[in-house]
C-alpha atoms as a PDB file:
ATOM      1  CA  GLN A   1       2.699  27.351  -6.191  1.00  0.00           C
ATOM      2  CA  LEU A   2       3.589  23.936  -6.141  1.00  0.00           C
ATOM      3  CA  GLN A   3       7.178  23.000  -5.178  1.00  0.00           C
ATOM      4  CA  LEU A   4       9.066  20.081  -3.764  1.00  0.00           C
ATOM      5  CA  VAL A   5      12.639  20.613  -2.192  1.00  0.00           C
ATOM      6  CA  GLU A   6      15.004  17.690  -1.607  1.00  0.00           C
ATOM      7  CA  SER A   7      17.331  17.865   1.670  1.00  0.00           C
ATOM      8  CA  GLY A   8      19.949  15.892   3.206  1.00  0.00           C
ATOM      9  CA  GLY A   9      22.492  14.787   0.641  1.00  0.00           C
ATOM     10  CA  GLY A  10      26.367  15.095   1.240  1.00  0.00           C
ATOM     11  CA  LEU A  11      29.354  13.078   1.495  1.00  0.00           C
ATOM     12  CA  VAL A  12      28.965   9.614   2.927  1.00  0.00           C
ATOM     13  CA  GLN A  13      31.464   6.792   3.459  1.00  0.00           C
ATOM     14  CA  PRO A  14      30.688   3.204   2.120  1.00  0.00           C
ATOM     15  CA  GLY A  15      28.491   1.538   4.372  1.00  0.00           C
ATOM     16  CA  ASP A  16      27.463   4.078   6.471  1.00  0.00           C
ATOM     17  CA  SER A  17      23.777   5.401   6.094  1.00  0.00           C
ATOM     18  CA  LEU A  18      21.923   8.809   4.675  1.00  0.00           C
ATOM     19  CA  ARG A  19      18.174   9.797   4.717  1.00  0.00           C
ATOM     20  CA  LEU A  20      17.206  12.101   2.144  1.00  0.00           C
ATOM     21  CA  SER A  21      14.025  14.140   2.327  1.00  0.00           C
ATOM     22  CA  CYS A  22      11.458  15.499  -0.228  1.00  0.00           C
ATOM     23  CA  ARG A  23       9.264  18.173   1.365  1.00  0.00           C
ATOM     24  CA  ALA A  24       6.230  19.289  -0.869  1.00  0.00           C
ATOM     25  CA  SER A  25       4.257  22.548  -0.710  1.00  0.00           C
ATOM     26  CA  GLY A  26       1.592  24.003  -2.609  1.00  0.00           C
ATOM     27  CA  PHE A  27      -0.017  20.701  -2.882  1.00  0.00           C
ATOM     28  CA  THR A  28      -1.245  17.664  -0.758  1.00  0.00           C
ATOM     29  CA  LEU A  29       1.202  15.133  -0.911  1.00  0.00           C
ATOM     30  CA  GLY A  30      -0.721  12.254   0.372  1.00  0.00           C
ATOM     31  CA  TYR A  31      -3.027  12.471  -3.180  1.00  0.00           C
ATOM     32  CA  TYR A  32       0.102  11.674  -5.298  1.00  0.00           C
ATOM     33  CA  ALA A  33       2.597   9.080  -6.117  1.00  0.00           C
ATOM     34  CA  ILE A  34       6.145  10.473  -5.492  1.00  0.00           C
ATOM     35  CA  GLY A  35       9.298   8.852  -6.618  1.00  0.00           C
ATOM     36  CA  TRP A  36      13.306   9.456  -6.270  1.00  0.00           C
ATOM     37  CA  PHE A  37      15.379   9.453  -9.191  1.00  0.00           C
ATOM     38  CA  ARG A  38      18.996  10.104  -9.680  1.00  0.00           C
ATOM     39  CA  GLN A  39      21.552  11.041 -12.255  1.00  0.00           C
ATOM     40  CA  ALA A  40      25.188  10.447 -12.320  1.00  0.00           C
ATOM     41  CA  PRO A  41      27.844  12.477 -14.473  1.00  0.00           C
ATOM     42  CA  GLY A  42      27.401  11.140 -18.013  1.00  0.00           C
ATOM     43  CA  LYS A  43      24.669   9.149 -17.578  1.00  0.00           C
ATOM     44  CA  GLU A  44      20.680   9.309 -17.812  1.00  0.00           C
ATOM     45  CA  ARG A  45      18.271   9.850 -15.111  1.00  0.00           C
ATOM     46  CA  GLU A  46      17.133   6.837 -13.736  1.00  0.00           C
ATOM     47  CA  GLY A  47      14.131   5.768 -11.027  1.00  0.00           C
ATOM     48  CA  VAL A  48      15.620   4.652  -7.840  1.00  0.00           C
ATOM     49  CA  SER A  49      12.269   4.046  -5.762  1.00  0.00           C
ATOM     50  CA  CYS A  50       8.598   5.377  -6.141  1.00  0.00           C
ATOM     51  CA  ILE A  51       5.992   5.279  -3.689  1.00  0.00           C
ATOM     52  CA  SER A  52       2.128   5.422  -4.469  1.00  0.00           C
ATOM     53  CA  HIS A  53      -0.582   7.232  -2.463  1.00  0.00           C
ATOM     54  CA  ASP A  54      -2.020   4.466  -0.754  1.00  0.00           C
ATOM     55  CA  GLY A  55       1.618   2.663  -0.104  1.00  0.00           C
ATOM     56  CA  ASN A  56       2.787   0.382  -3.088  1.00  0.00           C
ATOM     57  CA  ILE A  57       6.460   0.487  -3.482  1.00  0.00           C
ATOM     58  CA  TYR A  58       8.713  -0.302  -6.016  1.00  0.00           C
ATOM     59  CA  TYR A  59      12.571  -0.363  -5.974  1.00  0.00           C
ATOM     60  CA  ALA A  60      15.200  -0.343  -8.643  1.00  0.00           C
ATOM     61  CA  ASP A  61      17.436  -3.715  -8.640  1.00  0.00           C
ATOM     62  CA  SER A  62      20.384  -1.695  -8.070  1.00  0.00           C
ATOM     63  CA  VAL A  63      18.963  -0.385  -4.487  1.00  0.00           C
ATOM     64  CA  LYS A  64      16.458  -2.866  -3.271  1.00  0.00           C
ATOM     65  CA  GLY A  65      17.440  -4.481   0.196  1.00  0.00           C
ATOM     66  CA  ARG A  66      19.568  -1.498   0.761  1.00  0.00           C
ATOM     67  CA  PHE A  67      17.244   1.807   0.362  1.00  0.00           C
ATOM     68  CA  THR A  68      13.663   2.308   1.946  1.00  0.00           C
ATOM     69  CA  ILE A  69      11.108   4.771   0.628  1.00  0.00           C
ATOM     70  CA  SER A  70       8.624   6.209   3.181  1.00  0.00           C
ATOM     71  CA  ARG A  71       6.073   9.056   3.299  1.00  0.00           C
ATOM     72  CA  ASP A  72       4.852  11.100   6.385  1.00  0.00           C
ATOM     73  CA  ASN A  73       1.797  12.777   4.769  1.00  0.00           C
ATOM     74  CA  ALA A  74       1.198  14.879   7.762  1.00  0.00           C
ATOM     75  CA  LYS A  75       4.716  16.470   7.350  1.00  0.00           C
ATOM     76  CA  ASN A  76       4.021  16.414   3.161  1.00  0.00           C
ATOM     77  CA  THR A  77       7.494  14.491   3.081  1.00  0.00           C
ATOM     78  CA  VAL A  78       8.751  11.625   1.480  1.00  0.00           C
ATOM     79  CA  TYR A  79      12.023   9.894   2.640  1.00  0.00           C
ATOM     80  CA  LEU A  80      14.512   7.769   1.007  1.00  0.00           C
ATOM     81  CA  GLN A  81      16.495   6.056   3.661  1.00  0.00           C
ATOM     82  CA  MET A  82      20.181   4.893   2.146  1.00  0.00           C
ATOM     83  CA  ASN A  83      21.732   2.109   3.792  1.00  0.00           C
ATOM     84  CA  SER A  84      25.214   0.667   2.859  1.00  0.00           C
ATOM     85  CA  PRO A  85      25.738   3.220   0.142  1.00  0.00           C
ATOM     86  CA  LYS A  86      28.307   2.274  -2.412  1.00  0.00           C
ATOM     87  CA  PRO A  87      30.285   4.604  -4.699  1.00  0.00           C
ATOM     88  CA  GLU A  88      27.963   3.802  -7.695  1.00  0.00           C
ATOM     89  CA  ASP A  89      25.168   5.338  -5.750  1.00  0.00           C
ATOM     90  CA  THR A  90      27.133   8.909  -6.427  1.00  0.00           C
ATOM     91  CA  ALA A  91      24.783  10.983  -8.115  1.00  0.00           C
ATOM     92  CA  VAL A  92      22.159  14.055  -7.876  1.00  0.00           C
ATOM     93  CA  TYR A  93      19.087  12.628  -6.202  1.00  0.00           C
ATOM     94  CA  TYR A  94      15.812  14.216  -7.421  1.00  0.00           C
ATOM     95  CA  CYS A  95      12.518  13.772  -6.076  1.00  0.00           C
ATOM     96  CA  GLY A  96       9.243  14.113  -8.498  1.00  0.00           C
ATOM     97  CA  LYS A  97       5.486  13.888  -8.414  1.00  0.00           C
ATOM     98  CA  GLU A  98       3.641  11.766 -10.769  1.00  0.00           C
ATOM     99  CA  SER A  99       2.462  12.869 -14.286  1.00  0.00           C
ATOM    100  CA  TRP A 100      -1.179  12.641 -14.828  1.00  0.00           C
ATOM    101  CA  ASP A 101      -1.023   9.508 -16.749  1.00  0.00           C
ATOM    102  CA  ILE A 102       0.761   6.846 -14.383  1.00  0.00           C
ATOM    103  CA  THR A 103      -0.510   3.147 -14.287  1.00  0.00           C
ATOM    104  CA  THR A 104       1.793   1.603 -11.690  1.00  0.00           C
ATOM    105  CA  VAL A 105       4.405   2.844  -9.253  1.00  0.00           C
ATOM    106  CA  GLN A 106       7.089   0.433 -11.399  1.00  0.00           C
ATOM    107  CA  ASP A 107       6.045   2.219 -14.738  1.00  0.00           C
ATOM    108  CA  MET A 108       6.579   5.916 -12.742  1.00  0.00           C
ATOM    109  CA  CYS A 109       9.654   4.699 -11.936  1.00  0.00           C
ATOM    110  CA  ASP A 110      11.032   2.892 -15.183  1.00  0.00           C
ATOM    111  CA  ARG A 111       9.633   5.091 -17.850  1.00  0.00           C
ATOM    112  CA  ILE A 112      10.379   8.569 -15.333  1.00  0.00           C
ATOM    113  CA  MET A 113       6.593   9.397 -15.626  1.00  0.00           C
ATOM    114  CA  ILE A 114       7.047  12.730 -13.662  1.00  0.00           C
ATOM    115  CA  GLY A 115       4.896  16.040 -13.793  1.00  0.00           C
ATOM    116  CA  SER A 116       7.171  18.131 -11.108  1.00  0.00           C
ATOM    117  CA  TRP A 117      10.832  17.760 -10.375  1.00  0.00           C
ATOM    118  CA  GLY A 118      12.468  19.383  -7.191  1.00  0.00           C
ATOM    119  CA  GLN A 119      15.849  20.914  -7.777  1.00  0.00           C
ATOM    120  CA  GLY A 120      17.937  17.750  -6.519  1.00  0.00           C
ATOM    121  CA  THR A 121      20.416  17.042  -3.855  1.00  0.00           C
ATOM    122  CA  GLN A 122      23.844  15.545  -4.278  1.00  0.00           C
ATOM    123  CA  VAL A 123      25.240  12.389  -2.881  1.00  0.00           C
ATOM    124  CA  THR A 124      28.741  11.395  -2.840  1.00  0.00           C
ATOM    125  CA  VAL A 125      29.739   7.985  -1.695  1.00  0.00           C
ATOM    126  CA  SER A 126      33.350   7.761  -1.113  1.00  0.00           C
ATOM    127  CA  SER A 127      36.001   6.886   1.322  1.00  0.00           C
END
């Protein structure tokens, strides 16, 4: 059974750091593009960062230079390192596995082209 499980969320102060993990089971993560998305209260879900199976990476402008996506295929896990978070980064963060018809990781993130979702993890940035 295909499953994605996020962890690592919580309360963090502005300027601190946090690392989210997305662990996959039921499939070989290394064959697929994986993305991080977020949804703040009252807002639509948006793409944060996506990484292809062969390491191509896309970041939304709002997180570029602060967040880093990486993958450890041996652990079937994708990470999102969040440095210098801001209050506007507060949201539920979801990881997702690519849908069958993606062309680029930018497309995957911008158009939210996801076949399977995790359950999400809450990140709150506040002093």
